[in-house]
N, C-alpha and C. Protein backbone atom coordinates (compact mmCIF):
# COMPACT_ATOMS: atom_id res chain seq x y z
N UNK A 1 -17.86 3.37 3.43
CA UNK A 1 -16.88 4.62 3.46
C UNK A 1 -16.63 4.92 4.49
N UNK A 2 -15.09 5.37 4.56
CA UNK A 2 -14.55 5.91 5.27
C UNK A 2 -15.18 6.81 5.75
N UNK A 3 -14.78 6.76 7.63
CA UNK A 3 -15.80 8.24 8.53
C UNK A 3 -15.01 9.32 7.39
N UNK A 4 -16.24 10.41 8.24
CA UNK A 4 -15.40 11.71 8.15
C UNK A 4 -15.22 11.59 6.30
N UNK A 5 -15.38 11.25 5.39
CA UNK A 5 -14.95 12.07 4.89
C UNK A 5 -16.82 11.80 3.57
N UNK A 6 -16.01 13.17 2.79
CA UNK A 6 -17.78 13.28 1.87
C UNK A 6 -17.54 11.99 1.18
N UNK A 7 -19.09 11.02 0.67
CA UNK A 7 -19.28 9.81 0.59
C UNK A 7 -18.40 9.61 -0.75
N UNK A 8 -18.79 11.38 -1.77
CA UNK A 8 -18.81 11.48 -3.37
C UNK A 8 -16.76 11.43 -3.21
N UNK A 9 -15.82 11.40 -2.46
CA UNK A 9 -14.48 11.15 -2.86
C UNK A 9 -14.26 10.02 -2.69
N UNK A 10 -14.90 8.60 -2.22
CA UNK A 10 -14.30 7.41 -2.72
C UNK A 10 -15.06 6.56 -3.91
N UNK A 11 -16.05 7.56 -4.72
CA UNK A 11 -16.60 7.12 -5.96
C UNK A 11 -15.81 6.67 -6.74
N UNK A 12 -15.98 6.27 -7.74
CA UNK A 12 -14.96 5.79 -8.71
C UNK A 12 -15.47 5.95 -10.28
N UNK A 13 -15.32 5.53 -11.27
CA UNK A 13 -15.37 5.74 -12.75
C UNK A 13 -15.97 4.52 -13.00
N UNK A 14 -15.04 3.45 -12.81
CA UNK A 14 -15.99 1.87 -12.88
C UNK A 14 -16.53 0.91 -11.25
N UNK A 15 -17.52 1.52 -11.16
CA UNK A 15 -18.32 1.00 -9.93
C UNK A 15 -18.55 -0.85 -9.93
N UNK A 16 -18.34 -1.17 -10.87
CA UNK A 16 -18.41 -3.06 -10.97
C UNK A 16 -17.64 -3.26 -10.33
N UNK A 17 -17.52 -5.13 -9.58
CA UNK A 17 -16.93 -5.81 -8.90
C UNK A 17 -15.38 -5.69 -9.29
N UNK A 18 -14.37 -4.84 -8.10
CA UNK A 18 -12.99 -5.35 -8.37
C UNK A 18 -12.42 -6.80 -8.90
N UNK A 19 -13.06 -7.43 -8.25
CA UNK A 19 -12.47 -9.29 -8.64
C UNK A 19 -12.50 -9.42 -9.76
N UNK A 20 -13.54 -8.46 -10.78
CA UNK A 20 -14.14 -8.43 -12.43
C UNK A 20 -12.95 -7.84 -12.93
N UNK A 21 -12.58 -6.92 -12.36
CA UNK A 21 -11.01 -6.08 -13.30
C UNK A 21 -10.19 -6.02 -12.98
N UNK A 22 -9.90 -7.10 -11.90
CA UNK A 22 -8.38 -7.37 -11.56
C UNK A 22 -8.36 -8.82 -12.15
N UNK A 23 -9.44 -9.68 -12.49
CA UNK A 23 -9.35 -11.77 -12.96
C UNK A 23 -8.50 -11.68 -13.96
N UNK A 24 -7.76 -10.44 -15.04
CA UNK A 24 -6.53 -11.06 -15.80
C UNK A 24 -5.20 -10.25 -15.58
N UNK A 25 -4.05 -11.05 -15.04
CA UNK A 25 -3.64 -10.83 -14.71
C UNK A 25 -2.53 -9.62 -15.79
N UNK A 26 -2.01 -8.32 -14.95
CA UNK A 26 -1.57 -8.09 -15.64
C UNK A 26 0.42 -7.50 -14.96
N UNK A 27 0.86 -8.14 -15.50
CA UNK A 27 2.56 -8.58 -15.01
C UNK A 27 3.01 -7.79 -15.77
N UNK A 28 3.32 -6.51 -15.06
CA UNK A 28 3.76 -5.24 -15.93
C UNK A 28 4.33 -5.05 -14.91
N UNK A 29 5.37 -4.00 -14.81
CA UNK A 29 5.67 -3.19 -13.88
C UNK A 29 5.32 -1.60 -13.81
N UNK A 30 4.83 -1.31 -12.75
CA UNK A 30 3.42 -0.23 -13.42
C UNK A 30 4.44 1.08 -12.60
N UNK A 31 5.93 1.33 -12.72
CA UNK A 31 6.43 2.15 -12.49
C UNK A 31 8.19 1.61 -13.03
N UNK A 32 8.74 2.88 -13.92
CA UNK A 32 10.25 2.83 -13.95
C UNK A 32 10.95 2.16 -12.80
N UNK A 33 12.36 1.27 -13.42
CA UNK A 33 13.44 0.71 -13.16
C UNK A 33 14.04 2.25 -11.81
N UNK A 34 14.42 3.45 -12.24
CA UNK A 34 14.49 4.43 -11.45
C UNK A 34 13.38 4.78 -10.19
N UNK A 35 12.23 4.57 -10.63
CA UNK A 35 11.59 4.41 -9.11
C UNK A 35 10.90 3.12 -8.52
N UNK A 36 11.58 2.12 -8.96
CA UNK A 36 11.66 1.05 -8.67
C UNK A 36 12.70 1.16 -7.73
N UNK A 37 13.73 1.56 -8.08
CA UNK A 37 15.28 1.25 -6.84
C UNK A 37 14.74 2.31 -6.02
N UNK A 38 13.81 3.57 -6.08
CA UNK A 38 13.66 4.20 -5.12
C UNK A 38 12.76 3.83 -4.07
N UNK A 39 12.23 2.67 -4.42
CA UNK A 39 10.82 1.99 -3.64
C UNK A 39 12.19 1.19 -2.75
N UNK A 40 12.48 -0.05 -2.96
CA UNK A 40 13.16 -0.52 -2.76
C UNK A 40 14.83 0.17 -1.53
N UNK A 41 15.05 1.18 -2.27
CA UNK A 41 16.58 1.94 -1.37
C UNK A 41 15.34 2.36 -0.07
N UNK A 42 13.93 3.21 -0.02
CA UNK A 42 13.31 3.56 1.00
C UNK A 42 12.89 2.55 1.93
N UNK A 43 12.49 1.11 1.38
CA UNK A 43 12.54 -0.30 2.14
C UNK A 43 13.65 -0.71 2.96
N UNK A 44 14.86 -0.50 1.96
CA UNK A 44 16.16 -0.98 3.21
C UNK A 44 16.00 0.08 4.11
N UNK A 45 15.66 1.51 4.14
CA UNK A 45 16.41 2.05 5.35
C UNK A 45 15.38 1.76 6.38
N UNK A 46 13.58 1.86 6.20
CA UNK A 46 12.54 1.54 6.93
C UNK A 46 12.65 0.45 7.77
N UNK A 47 12.69 -0.77 6.74
CA UNK A 47 12.21 -2.35 7.41
C UNK A 47 13.24 -2.29 8.47
N UNK A 48 13.24 -3.69 9.11
CA UNK A 48 14.06 -3.84 9.85
C UNK A 48 14.22 -4.63 9.42
N UNK A 49 16.13 -5.60 9.88
CA UNK A 49 16.59 -6.52 9.13
C UNK A 49 15.59 -8.02 9.84
N UNK A 50 15.02 -8.59 8.72
CA UNK A 50 14.85 -10.22 9.20
C UNK A 50 13.14 -9.57 9.12
N UNK A 51 12.79 -8.78 8.56
CA UNK A 51 11.28 -8.09 8.79
C UNK A 51 9.93 -9.43 8.73
N UNK A 52 9.50 -9.42 9.12
CA UNK A 52 8.27 -10.33 9.11
C UNK A 52 6.96 -9.23 7.96
N UNK A 53 7.23 -9.26 6.73
CA UNK A 53 6.62 -8.19 5.76
C UNK A 53 5.19 -8.72 5.44
N UNK A 54 3.56 -7.74 5.88
CA UNK A 54 2.78 -7.54 4.55
C UNK A 54 3.10 -6.95 3.29
N UNK A 55 2.88 -7.56 2.54
CA UNK A 55 3.13 -6.41 1.12
C UNK A 55 1.28 -6.31 0.67
N UNK A 56 0.28 -5.38 1.24
CA UNK A 56 -0.59 -5.40 1.23
C UNK A 56 -0.99 -5.11 -0.58
N UNK A 57 -2.02 -5.29 -1.23
CA UNK A 57 -2.47 -5.06 -2.69
C UNK A 57 -1.25 -5.63 -3.32
N UNK A 58 -0.63 -6.71 -3.24
CA UNK A 58 0.55 -7.26 -3.75
C UNK A 58 0.43 -7.47 -5.25
N UNK A 59 0.81 -8.00 -6.06
CA UNK A 59 1.21 -8.23 -6.96
C UNK A 59 2.66 -9.41 -7.69
N UNK A 60 2.99 -8.93 -8.57
CA UNK A 60 3.87 -10.09 -9.15
C UNK A 60 5.15 -9.89 -8.92
N UNK A 61 5.88 -8.56 -8.08
CA UNK A 61 6.50 -8.06 -7.57
C UNK A 61 6.45 -7.57 -6.33
N UNK A 62 7.55 -7.35 -5.65
CA UNK A 62 7.07 -6.58 -4.54
C UNK A 62 8.20 -5.69 -4.07
N UNK A 63 9.59 -5.80 -4.48
CA UNK A 63 11.11 -4.65 -4.55
C UNK A 63 11.38 -4.00 -3.03
N UNK A 64 11.04 -6.03 -2.79
CA UNK A 64 11.52 -5.77 -1.70
C UNK A 64 13.28 -5.62 -1.16
N UNK A 65 14.31 -5.52 -0.73
CA UNK A 65 15.76 -5.34 -0.93
C UNK A 65 15.68 -6.84 -0.04
N UNK A 66 16.39 -7.99 -0.91
CA UNK A 66 16.47 -9.31 -0.11
C UNK A 66 16.88 -9.69 0.85
N UNK A 67 17.69 -9.06 1.03
CA UNK A 67 18.89 -8.66 2.52
C UNK A 67 17.94 -8.67 3.85
N UNK A 68 16.48 -7.30 3.46
CA UNK A 68 16.30 -6.92 4.98
C UNK A 68 15.01 -7.90 5.29
N UNK A 69 14.07 -8.73 4.00
CA UNK A 69 12.83 -9.26 4.34
C UNK A 69 13.58 -10.31 5.39
N UNK A 70 12.05 -10.77 5.93
CA UNK A 70 11.98 -12.61 6.30
C UNK A 70 11.31 -13.26 5.42
N UNK A 71 10.35 -13.33 5.81
CA UNK A 71 9.08 -13.75 5.45
C UNK A 71 8.13 -12.92 5.34
N UNK A 72 7.16 -12.92 3.92
CA UNK A 72 6.85 -11.94 3.54
C UNK A 72 5.34 -12.17 2.66
N UNK A 73 4.42 -12.00 3.59
CA UNK A 73 2.93 -12.43 2.96
C UNK A 73 2.61 -11.15 1.99
N UNK A 74 1.95 -11.47 0.54
CA UNK A 74 1.21 -10.79 -0.28
C UNK A 74 0.08 -11.36 -0.01
N UNK A 75 -1.02 -9.65 0.29
CA UNK A 75 -2.20 -9.76 -0.65
C UNK A 75 -2.81 -8.83 -1.37
N UNK A 76 -3.32 -9.88 -2.10
CA UNK A 76 -3.48 -9.36 -3.85
C UNK A 76 -4.84 -9.43 -4.08
N UNK A 77 -5.60 -9.25 -5.36
CA UNK A 77 -6.83 -9.45 -6.17
C UNK A 77 -6.69 -10.47 -6.61
N UNK A 78 -5.35 -11.05 -7.33
CA UNK A 78 -5.46 -11.98 -8.68
C UNK A 78 -4.09 -12.64 -8.35
N UNK A 79 -4.79 -14.29 -8.44
CA UNK A 79 -4.02 -14.80 -7.32
C UNK A 79 -2.67 -15.11 -8.65
N UNK A 80 -2.73 -15.20 -9.99
CA UNK A 80 -1.93 -15.64 -11.15
C UNK A 80 -0.74 -14.89 -10.31
N UNK A 81 -0.96 -13.24 -10.10
CA UNK A 81 -0.20 -12.37 -9.95
C UNK A 81 0.66 -13.10 -8.86
N UNK A 82 0.49 -13.49 -7.50
CA UNK A 82 1.04 -13.27 -6.65
C UNK A 82 1.93 -14.46 -6.59
N UNK A 83 1.19 -15.82 -7.01
CA UNK A 83 1.79 -17.43 -7.67
C UNK A 83 3.82 -16.29 -8.56
N UNK A 84 3.39 -16.04 -9.12
CA UNK A 84 4.02 -15.69 -9.74
C UNK A 84 5.58 -14.32 -9.24
N UNK A 85 5.23 -14.05 -7.65
CA UNK A 85 5.86 -12.96 -7.41
C UNK A 85 7.08 -14.48 -6.22
N UNK A 86 8.21 -13.72 -6.47
CA UNK A 86 9.28 -14.86 -6.02
C UNK A 86 9.77 -14.22 -4.27
N UNK A 87 9.17 -13.32 -4.27
CA UNK A 87 9.54 -12.89 -3.01
C UNK A 87 8.44 -13.13 -1.79
N UNK A 88 7.18 -13.73 -1.82
CA UNK A 88 6.48 -14.42 -1.40
C UNK A 88 6.26 -15.29 -0.61
N UNK A 89 6.14 -15.44 0.64
CA UNK A 89 6.25 -17.22 1.23
C UNK A 89 4.91 -17.37 0.77
N UNK A 90 3.54 -16.65 1.61
CA UNK A 90 2.74 -17.10 1.06
C UNK A 90 1.93 -15.89 0.65
N UNK A 91 0.55 -16.01 -0.14
CA UNK A 91 -0.29 -15.41 -0.56
C UNK A 91 -1.54 -15.44 0.02
N UNK A 92 -2.14 -14.91 -0.28
CA UNK A 92 -3.32 -14.64 0.45
C UNK A 92 -4.41 -13.76 -1.02
N UNK A 93 -6.13 -14.18 -1.33
CA UNK A 93 -6.74 -13.28 -2.45
C UNK A 93 -7.59 -12.83 -1.49
N UNK A 94 -7.61 -11.31 -1.34
CA UNK A 94 -8.98 -10.91 -0.76
C UNK A 94 -8.91 -9.02 -1.48
N UNK A 95 -10.04 -8.96 -1.36
CA UNK A 95 -10.86 -7.51 -1.52
C UNK A 95 -10.63 -6.30 -0.63
N UNK A 96 -10.19 -5.61 -0.26
CA UNK A 96 -9.77 -4.64 0.61
C UNK A 96 -11.13 -3.65 0.49
N UNK A 97 -11.45 -3.64 -0.79
CA UNK A 97 -12.98 -2.33 -0.53
C UNK A 97 -14.13 -3.64 -0.40
N UNK A 98 -14.79 -4.44 -0.47
CA UNK A 98 -15.56 -5.49 0.29
C UNK A 98 -15.56 -5.63 0.98
N UNK A 99 -14.18 -6.02 2.09
CA UNK A 99 -13.81 -6.14 3.86
C UNK A 99 -12.67 -5.75 3.93
N UNK A 100 -12.00 -4.81 4.58
CA UNK A 100 -11.02 -4.18 4.76
C UNK A 100 -9.98 -5.24 6.36
N UNK A 101 -11.46 -6.42 6.58
CA UNK A 101 -10.68 -6.72 7.64
C UNK A 101 -9.48 -7.22 7.22
N UNK A 102 -8.24 -7.30 8.04
CA UNK A 102 -7.17 -7.94 7.68
C UNK A 102 -6.89 -9.78 8.35
N UNK A 103 -7.39 -10.59 7.77
CA UNK A 103 -7.08 -12.05 8.02
C UNK A 103 -5.97 -12.55 9.19
N UNK A 104 -5.43 -11.59 9.80
CA UNK A 104 -4.21 -12.00 10.75
C UNK A 104 -4.43 -11.78 12.16
N UNK A 105 -3.79 -12.27 12.72
CA UNK A 105 -3.91 -12.01 14.24
C UNK A 105 -3.06 -10.36 14.90
N UNK A 106 -3.44 -9.79 16.00
CA UNK A 106 -2.62 -8.12 16.01
C UNK A 106 -1.42 -8.49 16.74
N UNK A 107 -0.55 -8.22 15.88
CA UNK A 107 0.75 -7.88 15.98
C UNK A 107 1.66 -8.77 15.36
N UNK A 108 1.12 -9.13 14.11
CA UNK A 108 1.28 -10.30 13.21
C UNK A 108 2.66 -9.59 13.14
N UNK A 109 3.24 -8.36 11.97
CA UNK A 109 4.23 -8.56 11.60
C UNK A 109 4.90 -6.71 11.75
N UNK A 110 6.37 -7.15 11.23
CA UNK A 110 6.94 -6.47 11.85
C UNK A 110 7.17 -4.97 10.53
N UNK A 111 6.79 -5.32 9.12
CA UNK A 111 5.88 -3.47 8.77
C UNK A 111 5.28 -4.19 7.55
N UNK A 112 4.43 -3.53 6.82
CA UNK A 112 3.67 -3.44 6.41
C UNK A 112 3.71 -2.67 4.96
N UNK A 113 3.68 -2.52 3.85
CA UNK A 113 4.25 -2.24 2.58
C UNK A 113 2.92 -2.24 1.55
N UNK A 114 2.79 -0.64 1.06
CA UNK A 114 1.51 -0.48 -0.29
C UNK A 114 2.22 -0.24 -1.22
N UNK A 115 2.80 -0.40 -2.54
CA UNK A 115 3.64 0.24 -3.46
C UNK A 115 2.57 0.17 -4.67
N UNK A 116 2.27 1.50 -4.84
CA UNK A 116 1.21 2.17 -5.69
C UNK A 116 0.26 1.59 -6.34
N UNK A 117 -0.46 1.27 -4.92
CA UNK A 117 -2.22 0.91 -4.77
C UNK A 117 -2.79 1.25 -3.79
N UNK A 118 -2.38 2.58 -3.17
CA UNK A 118 -3.43 2.84 -2.30
C UNK A 118 -4.13 4.06 -2.73
N UNK A 119 -4.47 4.74 -4.31
CA UNK A 119 -5.27 5.27 -5.07
C UNK A 119 -6.43 4.42 -5.32
N UNK A 120 -6.43 2.91 -4.74
CA UNK A 120 -7.51 2.33 -5.49
C UNK A 120 -8.30 2.04 -3.98
N UNK A 121 -8.39 2.43 -2.82
CA UNK A 121 -9.11 2.09 -1.58
C UNK A 121 -10.07 2.85 -1.88
N UNK A 122 -11.33 2.03 -1.28
CA UNK A 122 -12.61 3.03 -0.72
C UNK A 122 -12.73 3.28 0.12
N UNK A 123 -12.31 2.25 1.43
CA UNK A 123 -12.29 2.44 2.75
C UNK A 123 -11.12 2.07 3.30
N UNK A 124 -10.54 3.64 3.06
CA UNK A 124 -8.97 3.71 3.46
C UNK A 124 -8.57 3.58 5.13
N UNK A 125 -9.44 4.62 6.04
CA UNK A 125 -8.50 4.57 7.27
C UNK A 125 -9.05 3.29 7.72
N UNK A 126 -10.63 2.15 7.67
CA UNK A 126 -10.56 1.11 7.79
C UNK A 126 -9.58 0.55 7.58
N UNK A 127 -9.00 0.49 6.59
CA UNK A 127 -7.76 -1.22 5.80
C UNK A 127 -6.49 0.07 6.87
N UNK A 128 -6.44 0.99 7.66
CA UNK A 128 -5.32 1.58 8.25
C UNK A 128 -5.02 1.18 9.18
N UNK A 129 -6.48 1.55 9.79
CA UNK A 129 -6.56 0.67 11.40
C UNK A 129 -6.36 -0.86 11.45
N UNK A 130 -6.76 -1.58 10.86
CA UNK A 130 -6.22 -2.57 10.65
C UNK A 130 -4.84 -2.66 10.31
N UNK A 131 -4.55 -2.28 9.57
CA UNK A 131 -2.62 -2.40 9.27
C UNK A 131 -2.09 -2.34 10.98
N UNK A 132 -2.59 -0.77 11.74
CA UNK A 132 -1.98 -0.77 13.00
C UNK A 132 -2.67 -1.52 13.44
N UNK A 133 -3.96 -2.32 13.70
CA UNK A 133 -3.86 -3.46 14.54
C UNK A 133 -2.75 -4.82 13.86
N UNK A 134 -2.23 -5.02 12.59
CA UNK A 134 -1.91 -6.62 12.68
C UNK A 134 -0.16 -5.75 13.12
N UNK A 135 0.36 -4.63 13.00
CA UNK A 135 1.73 -4.12 13.29
C UNK A 135 2.30 -4.51 14.81
N UNK A 136 2.98 -4.77 14.70
CA UNK A 136 3.84 -4.69 16.45
C UNK A 136 4.21 -4.01 16.21
N UNK A 137 4.75 -3.23 17.41
CA UNK A 137 5.32 -1.87 18.08
C UNK A 137 6.08 -1.38 17.15
N UNK A 138 5.92 0.25 16.97
CA UNK A 138 7.12 0.62 16.59
C UNK A 138 7.44 0.02 14.89
N UNK A 139 6.53 -0.67 14.19
CA UNK A 139 6.75 -1.19 13.17
C UNK A 139 6.26 0.18 11.81
N UNK A 140 7.22 -0.04 10.88
CA UNK A 140 6.51 1.36 9.23
C UNK A 140 4.94 0.37 8.77
N UNK A 141 4.58 1.67 8.53
CA UNK A 141 3.47 1.28 7.34
C UNK A 141 3.98 2.78 6.25
N UNK A 142 4.79 2.02 5.25
CA UNK A 142 5.26 2.36 4.29
C UNK A 142 4.34 2.52 3.02
N UNK A 143 3.94 3.75 2.76
CA UNK A 143 2.76 3.54 1.38
C UNK A 143 3.88 4.44 -0.23
N UNK A 144 3.52 3.94 -1.26
CA UNK A 144 4.90 4.43 -2.38
C UNK A 144 3.94 4.81 -3.30
N UNK A 145 3.84 5.53 -3.96
CA UNK A 145 2.95 5.52 -5.49
C UNK A 145 3.88 7.06 -6.79
N UNK A 146 3.19 6.76 -7.80
CA UNK A 146 4.04 7.49 -8.58
C UNK A 146 2.66 8.52 -9.06
N UNK A 147 3.05 8.76 -10.48
CA UNK A 147 1.52 9.74 -10.79
C UNK A 147 0.62 8.95 -12.25
N UNK A 148 0.59 7.77 -11.99
CA UNK A 148 0.29 6.60 -12.57
C UNK A 148 -0.46 5.39 -11.82
N UNK A 149 -1.97 5.42 -12.69
CA UNK A 149 -3.00 4.56 -12.23
C UNK A 149 -3.99 4.47 -12.57
N UNK A 150 -4.80 3.52 -12.60
CA UNK A 150 -5.79 2.90 -13.63
C UNK A 150 -7.25 4.13 -13.05
N UNK A 151 -7.49 5.07 -14.54
CA UNK A 151 -8.33 6.30 -13.71
C UNK A 151 -9.72 5.72 -13.41
N UNK A 152 -10.36 4.68 -14.13
CA UNK A 152 -11.48 3.94 -13.89
C UNK A 152 -11.53 3.54 -12.59
N UNK A 153 -10.41 2.49 -11.50
CA UNK A 153 -10.61 2.35 -10.54
C UNK A 153 -10.00 3.21 -9.41
N UNK A 154 -9.52 4.24 -9.58
CA UNK A 154 -8.93 5.01 -8.98
C UNK A 154 -10.73 6.03 -7.85
N UNK A 155 -10.06 6.20 -6.91
CA UNK A 155 -11.06 7.09 -6.34
C UNK A 155 -11.15 8.45 -6.34
N UNK A 156 -12.16 8.94 -6.36
CA UNK A 156 -12.32 10.53 -7.17
C UNK A 156 -11.61 11.34 -6.02
N UNK A 157 -11.28 11.25 -4.78
CA UNK A 157 -10.47 12.34 -4.30
C UNK A 157 -8.90 12.16 -5.02
N UNK A 158 -8.73 10.88 -5.37
CA UNK A 158 -7.23 10.72 -5.87
C UNK A 158 -7.06 11.71 -7.60
N UNK A 159 -7.97 11.45 -8.42
CA UNK A 159 -8.12 11.86 -9.43
C UNK A 159 -8.65 13.16 -9.42
N UNK A 160 -8.67 13.84 -8.60
CA UNK A 160 -8.97 15.47 -8.33
C UNK A 160 -7.85 16.04 -8.05
N UNK A 161 -6.69 15.61 -7.92
CA UNK A 161 -5.96 16.04 -7.46
C UNK A 161 -4.50 16.17 -8.20
N UNK A 162 -3.48 16.65 -7.70
CA UNK A 162 -1.47 16.15 -8.35
C UNK A 162 -1.17 15.46 -6.88
N UNK A 163 0.12 15.26 -7.32
CA UNK A 163 0.84 14.73 -6.66
C UNK A 163 0.86 14.86 -5.51
N UNK A 164 1.18 16.59 -4.97
CA UNK A 164 1.14 17.11 -3.54
C UNK A 164 0.13 16.61 -2.95
N UNK A 165 -1.02 17.48 -3.75
CA UNK A 165 -1.93 16.73 -2.92
C UNK A 165 -2.57 15.04 -2.41
N UNK A 166 -1.54 14.40 -3.54
CA UNK A 166 -1.75 13.13 -3.02
C UNK A 166 -0.57 12.90 -1.65
N UNK A 167 0.37 13.45 -2.08
CA UNK A 167 0.85 13.29 -0.71
C UNK A 167 0.68 13.70 1.01
N UNK A 168 -1.08 14.75 0.59
CA UNK A 168 -1.16 15.43 1.56
C UNK A 168 -2.22 14.15 2.32
N UNK A 169 -3.34 13.85 0.87
CA UNK A 169 -4.48 13.38 1.51
C UNK A 169 -3.70 11.73 2.14
N UNK A 170 -2.84 10.57 1.32
CA UNK A 170 -2.29 9.65 2.48
C UNK A 170 -1.67 10.13 3.70
N UNK A 171 -1.32 11.23 3.96
CA UNK A 171 -0.77 11.44 5.16
C UNK A 171 -2.22 11.89 6.38
N UNK A 172 -3.32 12.50 5.24
CA UNK A 172 -4.40 13.05 5.96
C UNK A 172 -5.15 10.81 6.91
N UNK A 173 -5.03 10.30 6.07
CA UNK A 173 -5.01 9.05 6.43
C UNK A 173 -4.69 8.05 7.42
N UNK A 174 -3.72 8.75 7.78
CA UNK A 174 -2.85 8.40 8.50
C UNK A 174 -3.04 9.02 10.05
N UNK A 175 -3.22 10.85 9.73
CA UNK A 175 -3.49 11.21 11.53
C UNK A 175 -5.24 10.75 11.30
N UNK A 176 -5.85 10.73 10.35
CA UNK A 176 -7.03 10.25 11.29
C UNK A 176 -7.53 8.53 11.99
N UNK A 177 -6.42 8.02 11.97
CA UNK A 177 -6.44 6.87 12.22
C UNK A 177 -5.28 6.52 13.78
N UNK A 178 -6.07 6.22 14.65
CA UNK A 178 -5.43 6.03 15.72
C UNK A 178 -4.29 4.52 15.83
N UNK A 179 -3.14 4.71 16.39
CA UNK A 179 -2.44 3.66 16.54
C UNK A 179 -1.24 4.29 15.73
N UNK A 180 -1.13 5.28 15.66
CA UNK A 180 0.20 5.67 14.32
C UNK A 180 0.87 6.69 15.24
N UNK A 181 1.87 6.98 14.67
CA UNK A 181 3.10 7.73 15.58
C UNK A 181 2.73 8.85 14.21
N UNK A 182 4.32 9.99 14.28
CA UNK A 182 4.37 11.41 13.54
C UNK A 182 4.13 10.75 11.99
N UNK A 183 3.98 11.19 11.31
CA UNK A 183 3.75 10.77 9.82
C UNK A 183 4.59 11.23 9.15
N UNK A 184 5.94 10.65 7.88
CA UNK A 184 6.91 10.84 7.38
C UNK A 184 5.98 11.13 5.54
N UNK A 185 7.21 12.12 4.92
CA UNK A 185 7.22 11.60 3.41
C UNK A 185 7.75 12.15 2.61
N UNK A 186 8.16 11.69 1.17
CA UNK A 186 9.31 12.21 1.20
C UNK A 186 9.29 11.84 -0.50
N UNK A 187 9.99 12.24 -1.79
CA UNK A 187 10.09 12.59 -3.42
C UNK A 187 11.70 12.15 -3.42
N UNK A 188 10.99 10.88 -4.69
CA UNK A 188 12.32 11.08 -5.55
C UNK A 188 12.63 11.17 -6.51
N UNK A 189 12.73 11.81 -7.41
CA UNK A 189 12.58 12.48 -8.81
C UNK A 189 13.52 11.50 -9.43
N UNK A 190 13.93 10.14 -10.54
CA UNK A 190 15.07 9.52 -10.56
C UNK A 190 14.53 9.76 -12.21
N UNK A 191 16.00 11.02 -12.50
CA UNK A 191 16.12 11.31 -13.83
C UNK A 191 15.04 11.80 -14.10
N UNK A 192 15.20 11.60 -16.07
CA UNK A 192 13.63 11.84 -16.50
C UNK A 192 12.45 11.15 -16.38
N UNK A 193 12.45 10.18 -15.14
CA UNK A 193 11.40 8.76 -15.37
C UNK A 193 10.39 8.96 -14.07
N UNK A 194 9.65 7.99 -13.62
CA UNK A 194 8.90 8.32 -12.80
C UNK A 194 8.93 8.72 -11.77
N UNK A 195 8.27 9.45 -11.56
CA UNK A 195 8.13 10.30 -9.98
C UNK A 195 8.07 9.21 -9.16
N UNK A 196 8.46 9.40 -7.65
CA UNK A 196 7.86 8.43 -6.65
C UNK A 196 8.07 9.01 -5.01
N UNK A 197 6.51 9.10 -4.77
CA UNK A 197 6.51 9.67 -3.34
C UNK A 197 5.83 8.63 -2.54
N UNK A 198 6.45 8.87 -0.85
CA UNK A 198 6.74 8.04 -0.15
C UNK A 198 6.03 8.67 0.99
N UNK A 199 4.50 7.99 1.39
CA UNK A 199 4.50 8.25 3.00
C UNK A 199 4.27 6.88 4.24
N UNK A 200 4.88 7.52 5.17
CA UNK A 200 5.09 6.51 6.41
C UNK A 200 5.01 7.11 7.84
N UNK A 201 4.41 6.25 8.73
CA UNK A 201 4.49 5.99 9.99
C UNK A 201 4.89 4.95 10.51
N UNK A 202 4.85 5.22 11.54
CA UNK A 202 4.67 3.92 12.75
C UNK A 202 3.82 3.31 13.37
N UNK A 203 3.74 2.26 14.42
CA UNK A 203 3.04 2.13 14.65
C UNK A 203 3.40 2.19 16.43
N UNK A 204 2.16 2.52 17.12
CA UNK A 204 2.14 3.19 18.32
C UNK A 204 2.30 1.96 18.79
N UNK A 205 2.88 1.33 20.79
CA UNK A 205 2.55 0.56 21.31
C UNK A 205 1.35 0.46 21.98
N UNK A 206 0.36 -0.68 21.76
CA UNK A 206 -0.96 -1.18 21.99
C UNK A 206 -0.90 -0.42 23.71
N UNK A 207 -1.83 0.15 24.41
CA UNK A 207 -2.10 0.30 26.37
C UNK A 207 -2.44 -0.50 26.68
């Protein structure tokens, strides 16, 4: 469990092994076109041009602006979904709830993104610490989410709150993790469609 949080915060309705749940490929977009456009626009704003990107908890689509990203590595739970993602140059199947250690060297990426998946992390600050390690100085870690999830696999702390509580929770993950600078947040409500929330921070130079 993540340090200093009540253990009950990261329990889930379905505590069966995550690889079993994610063994079935779900090639659907979990947010609508307006929210996807908001994700891509935010990436275009925050990611440096030609960035080497780690797409954390990735799937069959990454929503990265083509002109912005260089090499993209996708780490996710379903090999079939990852293989069908046209923006990924490399793929890795891994369960971060079982082992939060990222199999990359220090300062391997210019940016890390995580789209509509942070609610499933049972060891979030451990994962965030690993992200801080693999990011190059001033690299952004961009978390985006909406009001949708698989409720049986989302952690209790997520299920207990609303949208603004989720922003606060993710911000707290950053604030509890050494290696990140000031936390920023934003929201977009495209028309009558899915809302899109974002929380991000940049990695600090290593001492």
